[in-house]
């Protein structure tokens, strides 16, 4: 299976081991659910994943190192969550092309966000950012 989509199901967690078993996954869509954090066994081990959509959940942080092995990740959609900050290792997401963090609670951006040299789309609208 290369795509996993459970959009709009009011899910707050996935069965243990489910994501670990999807080793060839390229696209993960968990949007419009009730996740409060990244699913356990989540995207860190996915070396083939290129797109993750977690929009419209209740996630308040992106764990440090969560994408350390997701070298092919180019698109992350996390709009409409409760993010208050971004992980300090964001500068290591060097293959990221599209990053949608709109409608969250972000107050500042890490300096390392400048290291995302392949980034073409960065959406930060409707946050609490100040100059």
N, C-alpha and C. Protein backbone atom coordinates (compact mmCIF):
# COMPACT_ATOMS: atom_id res chain seq x y z
N UNK A 1 0.85 -1.17 0.00
CA UNK A 1 0.00 0.00 0.00
C UNK A 1 0.89 1.24 0.00
N UNK A 2 0.59 2.18 -0.89
CA UNK A 2 1.39 3.39 -0.91
C UNK A 2 0.66 4.62 -0.38
N UNK A 3 -0.67 4.55 -0.24
CA UNK A 3 -1.45 5.65 0.34
C UNK A 3 -2.31 5.13 1.48
N UNK A 4 -2.34 5.91 2.56
CA UNK A 4 -3.20 5.58 3.70
C UNK A 4 -4.00 6.83 4.03
N UNK A 5 -5.33 6.76 3.92
CA UNK A 5 -6.18 7.92 4.10
C UNK A 5 -7.36 7.55 5.00
N UNK A 6 -7.43 8.20 6.16
CA UNK A 6 -8.56 8.03 7.07
C UNK A 6 -9.15 9.40 7.43
N UNK A 7 -9.21 10.27 6.45
CA UNK A 7 -9.70 11.62 6.66
C UNK A 7 -11.15 11.61 7.16
N UNK A 8 -11.42 12.50 8.14
CA UNK A 8 -12.77 12.76 8.60
C UNK A 8 -13.47 11.61 9.31
N UNK A 9 -12.77 10.97 10.23
CA UNK A 9 -13.35 9.83 10.94
C UNK A 9 -13.40 9.99 12.45
N UNK A 10 -13.12 11.16 12.98
CA UNK A 10 -13.11 11.41 14.43
C UNK A 10 -12.18 10.47 15.18
N UNK A 11 -11.11 10.04 14.54
CA UNK A 11 -10.14 9.12 15.15
C UNK A 11 -9.19 9.92 16.03
N UNK A 12 -8.89 9.40 17.22
CA UNK A 12 -7.92 10.05 18.10
C UNK A 12 -6.64 9.24 18.22
N UNK A 13 -6.68 7.99 17.83
CA UNK A 13 -5.47 7.16 17.81
C UNK A 13 -5.66 6.01 16.83
N UNK A 14 -4.53 5.46 16.40
CA UNK A 14 -4.55 4.32 15.49
C UNK A 14 -4.14 3.07 16.26
N UNK A 15 -4.53 1.90 15.79
CA UNK A 15 -4.11 0.66 16.46
C UNK A 15 -2.59 0.55 16.50
N UNK A 16 -2.06 0.06 17.62
CA UNK A 16 -0.61 -0.12 17.76
C UNK A 16 -0.06 -0.94 16.61
N UNK A 17 1.04 -0.49 16.07
CA UNK A 17 1.74 -1.23 15.03
C UNK A 17 1.21 -1.03 13.62
N UNK A 18 0.07 -0.36 13.48
CA UNK A 18 -0.51 -0.19 12.15
C UNK A 18 0.43 0.57 11.21
N UNK A 19 0.90 1.72 11.64
CA UNK A 19 1.77 2.52 10.77
C UNK A 19 3.10 1.85 10.50
N UNK A 20 3.62 1.13 11.47
CA UNK A 20 4.89 0.42 11.29
C UNK A 20 4.80 -0.64 10.20
N UNK A 21 3.61 -1.18 9.99
CA UNK A 21 3.45 -2.24 8.99
C UNK A 21 3.35 -1.70 7.56
N UNK A 22 3.21 -0.39 7.42
CA UNK A 22 3.06 0.21 6.09
C UNK A 22 4.40 0.75 5.61
N UNK A 23 5.31 -0.13 5.30
CA UNK A 23 6.70 0.26 5.00
C UNK A 23 6.88 0.94 3.66
N UNK A 24 5.97 0.74 2.71
CA UNK A 24 6.10 1.33 1.38
C UNK A 24 5.24 2.60 1.22
N UNK A 25 4.74 3.11 2.31
CA UNK A 25 3.84 4.25 2.28
C UNK A 25 4.51 5.48 1.70
N UNK A 26 3.82 6.17 0.77
CA UNK A 26 4.32 7.43 0.23
C UNK A 26 3.44 8.61 0.62
N UNK A 27 2.18 8.35 0.98
CA UNK A 27 1.26 9.43 1.34
C UNK A 27 0.42 9.01 2.55
N UNK A 28 0.40 9.87 3.56
CA UNK A 28 -0.33 9.61 4.79
C UNK A 28 -1.30 10.76 5.05
N UNK A 29 -2.60 10.47 5.08
CA UNK A 29 -3.62 11.49 5.32
C UNK A 29 -4.42 11.10 6.55
N UNK A 30 -4.25 11.90 7.60
CA UNK A 30 -4.97 11.70 8.87
C UNK A 30 -5.76 12.96 9.22
N UNK A 31 -6.11 13.75 8.23
CA UNK A 31 -6.75 15.04 8.45
C UNK A 31 -8.19 14.89 8.93
N UNK A 32 -8.66 15.98 9.55
CA UNK A 32 -10.05 16.09 10.04
C UNK A 32 -10.43 14.94 10.97
N UNK A 33 -9.57 14.75 11.96
CA UNK A 33 -9.80 13.76 13.00
C UNK A 33 -9.63 14.41 14.36
N UNK A 34 -9.32 13.65 15.38
CA UNK A 34 -9.19 14.17 16.74
C UNK A 34 -7.84 13.86 17.36
N UNK A 35 -6.80 13.75 16.54
CA UNK A 35 -5.46 13.48 17.07
C UNK A 35 -4.98 14.66 17.90
N UNK A 36 -4.47 14.37 19.10
CA UNK A 36 -3.91 15.41 19.96
C UNK A 36 -2.38 15.40 19.89
N UNK A 37 -1.82 14.35 19.32
CA UNK A 37 -0.38 14.24 19.13
C UNK A 37 -0.13 13.35 17.92
N UNK A 38 1.13 13.28 17.52
CA UNK A 38 1.46 12.40 16.41
C UNK A 38 1.13 10.97 16.78
N UNK A 39 0.56 10.22 15.85
CA UNK A 39 0.21 8.82 16.13
C UNK A 39 1.44 8.02 16.54
N UNK A 40 1.28 7.12 17.50
CA UNK A 40 2.42 6.31 17.91
C UNK A 40 2.83 5.40 16.77
N UNK A 41 4.13 5.15 16.69
CA UNK A 41 4.66 4.41 15.56
C UNK A 41 4.61 5.26 14.31
N UNK A 42 4.48 6.56 14.53
CA UNK A 42 4.25 7.52 13.48
C UNK A 42 5.38 7.72 12.49
N UNK A 43 5.33 8.79 11.73
CA UNK A 43 6.05 8.91 10.49
C UNK A 43 7.58 8.84 10.55
N UNK A 44 8.18 8.78 11.72
CA UNK A 44 9.64 8.79 11.78
C UNK A 44 10.28 7.66 10.99
N UNK A 45 9.67 6.49 10.99
CA UNK A 45 10.30 5.35 10.33
C UNK A 45 10.01 5.31 8.83
N UNK A 46 9.16 6.18 8.32
CA UNK A 46 8.78 6.12 6.91
C UNK A 46 9.84 6.75 6.02
N UNK A 47 10.64 5.93 5.41
CA UNK A 47 11.68 6.47 4.53
C UNK A 47 11.14 6.80 3.15
N UNK A 48 9.96 6.31 2.79
CA UNK A 48 9.39 6.56 1.46
C UNK A 48 8.32 7.64 1.44
N UNK A 49 7.88 8.09 2.59
CA UNK A 49 6.78 9.06 2.65
C UNK A 49 7.20 10.40 2.06
N UNK A 50 6.37 10.90 1.13
CA UNK A 50 6.65 12.21 0.54
C UNK A 50 5.63 13.25 0.98
N UNK A 51 4.44 12.83 1.43
CA UNK A 51 3.41 13.78 1.84
C UNK A 51 2.68 13.29 3.09
N UNK A 52 2.53 14.21 4.05
CA UNK A 52 1.78 13.93 5.28
C UNK A 52 0.77 15.06 5.47
N UNK A 53 -0.49 14.68 5.65
CA UNK A 53 -1.54 15.66 5.88
C UNK A 53 -2.19 15.36 7.23
N UNK A 54 -1.97 16.27 8.17
CA UNK A 54 -2.55 16.16 9.52
C UNK A 54 -3.40 17.39 9.83
N UNK A 55 -3.92 18.03 8.80
CA UNK A 55 -4.69 19.25 9.03
C UNK A 55 -5.96 18.98 9.82
N UNK A 56 -6.39 20.02 10.51
CA UNK A 56 -7.64 20.02 11.26
C UNK A 56 -7.70 18.89 12.29
N UNK A 57 -6.70 18.87 13.18
CA UNK A 57 -6.68 17.99 14.33
C UNK A 57 -6.47 18.87 15.56
N UNK A 58 -5.93 18.33 16.63
CA UNK A 58 -5.69 19.09 17.86
C UNK A 58 -4.26 18.91 18.32
N UNK A 59 -3.35 18.82 17.38
CA UNK A 59 -1.94 18.56 17.68
C UNK A 59 -1.27 19.87 18.11
N UNK A 60 -0.59 19.85 19.26
CA UNK A 60 0.02 21.07 19.78
C UNK A 60 1.53 21.16 19.57
N UNK A 61 2.16 20.06 19.14
CA UNK A 61 3.60 20.16 18.86
C UNK A 61 4.04 19.09 17.87
N UNK A 62 5.11 19.41 17.18
CA UNK A 62 5.77 18.46 16.29
C UNK A 62 6.99 17.96 17.05
N UNK A 63 7.04 16.70 17.42
CA UNK A 63 8.16 16.21 18.22
C UNK A 63 9.51 16.35 17.51
N UNK A 64 10.52 16.70 18.29
CA UNK A 64 11.89 16.80 17.78
C UNK A 64 12.30 15.46 17.18
N UNK A 65 12.88 15.46 16.01
CA UNK A 65 13.39 14.25 15.38
C UNK A 65 12.36 13.37 14.71
N UNK A 66 11.09 13.78 14.70
CA UNK A 66 10.02 12.93 14.17
C UNK A 66 10.22 12.60 12.70
N UNK A 67 10.86 13.49 11.95
CA UNK A 67 11.06 13.24 10.52
C UNK A 67 12.52 12.93 10.18
N UNK A 68 13.28 12.48 11.15
CA UNK A 68 14.72 12.26 10.94
C UNK A 68 15.01 11.21 9.87
N UNK A 69 14.14 10.24 9.70
CA UNK A 69 14.36 9.21 8.68
C UNK A 69 13.47 9.39 7.46
N UNK A 70 12.59 10.37 7.50
CA UNK A 70 11.67 10.62 6.37
C UNK A 70 12.35 11.56 5.37
N UNK A 71 13.41 11.08 4.76
CA UNK A 71 14.23 11.89 3.85
C UNK A 71 13.50 12.33 2.58
N UNK A 72 12.44 11.61 2.20
CA UNK A 72 11.70 11.96 0.99
C UNK A 72 10.51 12.87 1.26
N UNK A 73 10.33 13.28 2.51
CA UNK A 73 9.19 14.12 2.86
C UNK A 73 9.35 15.50 2.22
N UNK A 74 8.41 15.84 1.33
CA UNK A 74 8.46 17.13 0.65
C UNK A 74 7.24 17.99 0.97
N UNK A 75 6.19 17.40 1.52
CA UNK A 75 4.95 18.15 1.76
C UNK A 75 4.39 17.78 3.13
N UNK A 76 4.24 18.80 3.98
CA UNK A 76 3.66 18.62 5.31
C UNK A 76 2.55 19.63 5.50
N UNK A 77 1.34 19.14 5.70
CA UNK A 77 0.19 20.01 5.92
C UNK A 77 -0.27 19.82 7.36
N UNK A 78 -0.12 20.89 8.14
CA UNK A 78 -0.51 20.87 9.56
C UNK A 78 -1.40 22.06 9.91
N UNK A 79 -2.09 22.60 8.92
CA UNK A 79 -2.95 23.75 9.20
C UNK A 79 -4.11 23.34 10.10
N UNK A 80 -4.64 24.33 10.80
CA UNK A 80 -5.79 24.13 11.69
C UNK A 80 -5.52 23.09 12.77
N UNK A 81 -4.43 23.29 13.49
CA UNK A 81 -4.10 22.51 14.67
C UNK A 81 -3.89 23.48 15.82
N UNK A 82 -3.15 23.08 16.83
CA UNK A 82 -2.90 23.93 18.00
C UNK A 82 -1.40 24.13 18.22
N UNK A 83 -0.62 24.09 17.15
CA UNK A 83 0.84 24.22 17.27
C UNK A 83 1.22 25.55 17.91
N UNK A 84 2.07 25.49 18.93
CA UNK A 84 2.56 26.70 19.58
C UNK A 84 4.01 26.99 19.23
N UNK A 85 4.72 25.99 18.76
CA UNK A 85 6.12 26.17 18.36
C UNK A 85 6.49 25.08 17.36
N UNK A 86 7.66 25.25 16.76
CA UNK A 86 8.18 24.28 15.81
C UNK A 86 9.43 23.64 16.39
N UNK A 87 9.74 22.41 16.00
CA UNK A 87 10.92 21.74 16.57
C UNK A 87 12.22 22.41 16.12
N UNK A 88 13.22 22.36 16.99
CA UNK A 88 14.49 23.00 16.69
C UNK A 88 15.23 22.34 15.54
N UNK A 89 14.86 21.12 15.18
CA UNK A 89 15.53 20.44 14.07
C UNK A 89 14.85 20.70 12.72
N UNK A 90 13.99 21.70 12.65
CA UNK A 90 13.28 21.99 11.41
C UNK A 90 14.24 22.28 10.26
N UNK A 91 15.41 22.79 10.55
CA UNK A 91 16.42 23.07 9.52
C UNK A 91 16.94 21.83 8.84
N UNK A 92 16.69 20.67 9.41
CA UNK A 92 17.13 19.41 8.81
C UNK A 92 16.10 18.84 7.83
N UNK A 93 14.98 19.48 7.69
CA UNK A 93 13.96 19.03 6.73
C UNK A 93 14.29 19.60 5.36
N UNK A 94 15.48 19.34 4.89
CA UNK A 94 16.02 20.01 3.71
C UNK A 94 15.31 19.70 2.40
N UNK A 95 14.55 18.64 2.32
CA UNK A 95 13.83 18.32 1.08
C UNK A 95 12.41 18.88 1.05
N UNK A 96 12.02 19.58 2.11
CA UNK A 96 10.66 20.10 2.21
C UNK A 96 10.42 21.14 1.11
N UNK A 97 9.33 20.95 0.37
CA UNK A 97 8.94 21.86 -0.70
C UNK A 97 7.71 22.68 -0.29
N UNK A 98 6.79 22.05 0.40
CA UNK A 98 5.56 22.72 0.84
C UNK A 98 5.32 22.47 2.32
N UNK A 99 5.17 23.57 3.07
CA UNK A 99 4.95 23.50 4.51
C UNK A 99 3.78 24.41 4.86
N UNK A 100 2.65 23.81 5.21
CA UNK A 100 1.45 24.58 5.53
C UNK A 100 1.19 24.49 7.02
N UNK A 101 1.43 25.61 7.71
CA UNK A 101 1.25 25.70 9.16
C UNK A 101 0.22 26.77 9.51
N UNK A 102 -0.64 27.11 8.56
CA UNK A 102 -1.65 28.14 8.78
C UNK A 102 -2.65 27.76 9.86
N UNK A 103 -3.21 28.79 10.50
CA UNK A 103 -4.24 28.64 11.52
C UNK A 103 -3.80 27.71 12.65
N UNK A 104 -2.75 28.16 13.33
CA UNK A 104 -2.23 27.51 14.52
C UNK A 104 -2.03 28.58 15.59
N UNK A 105 -1.20 28.32 16.56
CA UNK A 105 -0.93 29.27 17.65
C UNK A 105 0.56 29.65 17.69
N UNK A 106 1.23 29.60 16.55
CA UNK A 106 2.66 29.88 16.50
C UNK A 106 2.94 31.35 16.84
N UNK A 107 3.92 31.58 17.70
CA UNK A 107 4.29 32.94 18.08
C UNK A 107 5.64 33.35 17.51
N UNK A 108 6.47 32.38 17.13
CA UNK A 108 7.77 32.68 16.51
C UNK A 108 8.21 31.50 15.67
N UNK A 109 9.20 31.76 14.83
CA UNK A 109 9.76 30.72 13.97
C UNK A 109 11.21 30.49 14.35
N UNK A 110 11.67 29.25 14.34
CA UNK A 110 13.09 28.99 14.62
C UNK A 110 13.95 29.59 13.50
N UNK A 111 15.13 30.08 13.85
CA UNK A 111 16.04 30.64 12.84
C UNK A 111 16.38 29.62 11.76
N UNK A 112 16.42 28.35 12.12
CA UNK A 112 16.81 27.30 11.18
C UNK A 112 15.82 27.11 10.04
N UNK A 113 14.68 27.74 10.09
CA UNK A 113 13.72 27.60 9.00
C UNK A 113 14.33 28.13 7.70
N UNK A 114 15.33 29.00 7.83
CA UNK A 114 16.03 29.54 6.66
C UNK A 114 16.84 28.47 5.94
N UNK A 115 17.08 27.34 6.58
CA UNK A 115 17.85 26.25 5.97
C UNK A 115 17.03 25.41 5.00
N UNK A 116 15.75 25.67 4.91
CA UNK A 116 14.89 24.89 4.02
C UNK A 116 15.01 25.45 2.60
N UNK A 117 16.12 25.15 1.96
CA UNK A 117 16.47 25.75 0.67
C UNK A 117 15.57 25.30 -0.48
N UNK A 118 14.89 24.18 -0.35
CA UNK A 118 14.00 23.70 -1.41
C UNK A 118 12.55 24.14 -1.20
N UNK A 119 12.30 24.87 -0.12
CA UNK A 119 10.94 25.28 0.21
C UNK A 119 10.40 26.26 -0.84
N UNK A 120 9.27 25.91 -1.43
CA UNK A 120 8.62 26.77 -2.42
C UNK A 120 7.35 27.40 -1.87
N UNK A 121 6.67 26.69 -0.96
CA UNK A 121 5.41 27.17 -0.38
C UNK A 121 5.51 27.10 1.14
N UNK A 122 5.35 28.25 1.79
CA UNK A 122 5.32 28.33 3.25
C UNK A 122 4.09 29.13 3.64
N UNK A 123 3.14 28.47 4.28
CA UNK A 123 1.90 29.14 4.68
C UNK A 123 1.88 29.25 6.20
N UNK A 124 1.81 30.51 6.67
CA UNK A 124 1.82 30.80 8.11
C UNK A 124 0.66 31.70 8.51
N UNK A 125 -0.32 31.86 7.65
CA UNK A 125 -1.44 32.77 7.93
C UNK A 125 -2.22 32.31 9.17
N UNK A 126 -2.85 33.29 9.81
CA UNK A 126 -3.70 33.03 10.98
C UNK A 126 -2.96 32.36 12.13
N UNK A 127 -1.80 32.89 12.46
CA UNK A 127 -1.03 32.49 13.63
C UNK A 127 -0.87 33.71 14.52
N UNK A 128 -0.05 33.63 15.53
CA UNK A 128 0.18 34.73 16.47
C UNK A 128 1.57 35.33 16.29
N UNK A 129 2.10 35.25 15.08
CA UNK A 129 3.46 35.72 14.80
C UNK A 129 3.52 37.24 14.86
N UNK A 130 4.65 37.73 15.39
CA UNK A 130 4.90 39.17 15.47
C UNK A 130 6.25 39.45 14.86
N UNK A 131 6.44 40.66 14.39
CA UNK A 131 7.73 41.05 13.80
C UNK A 131 8.77 41.27 14.85
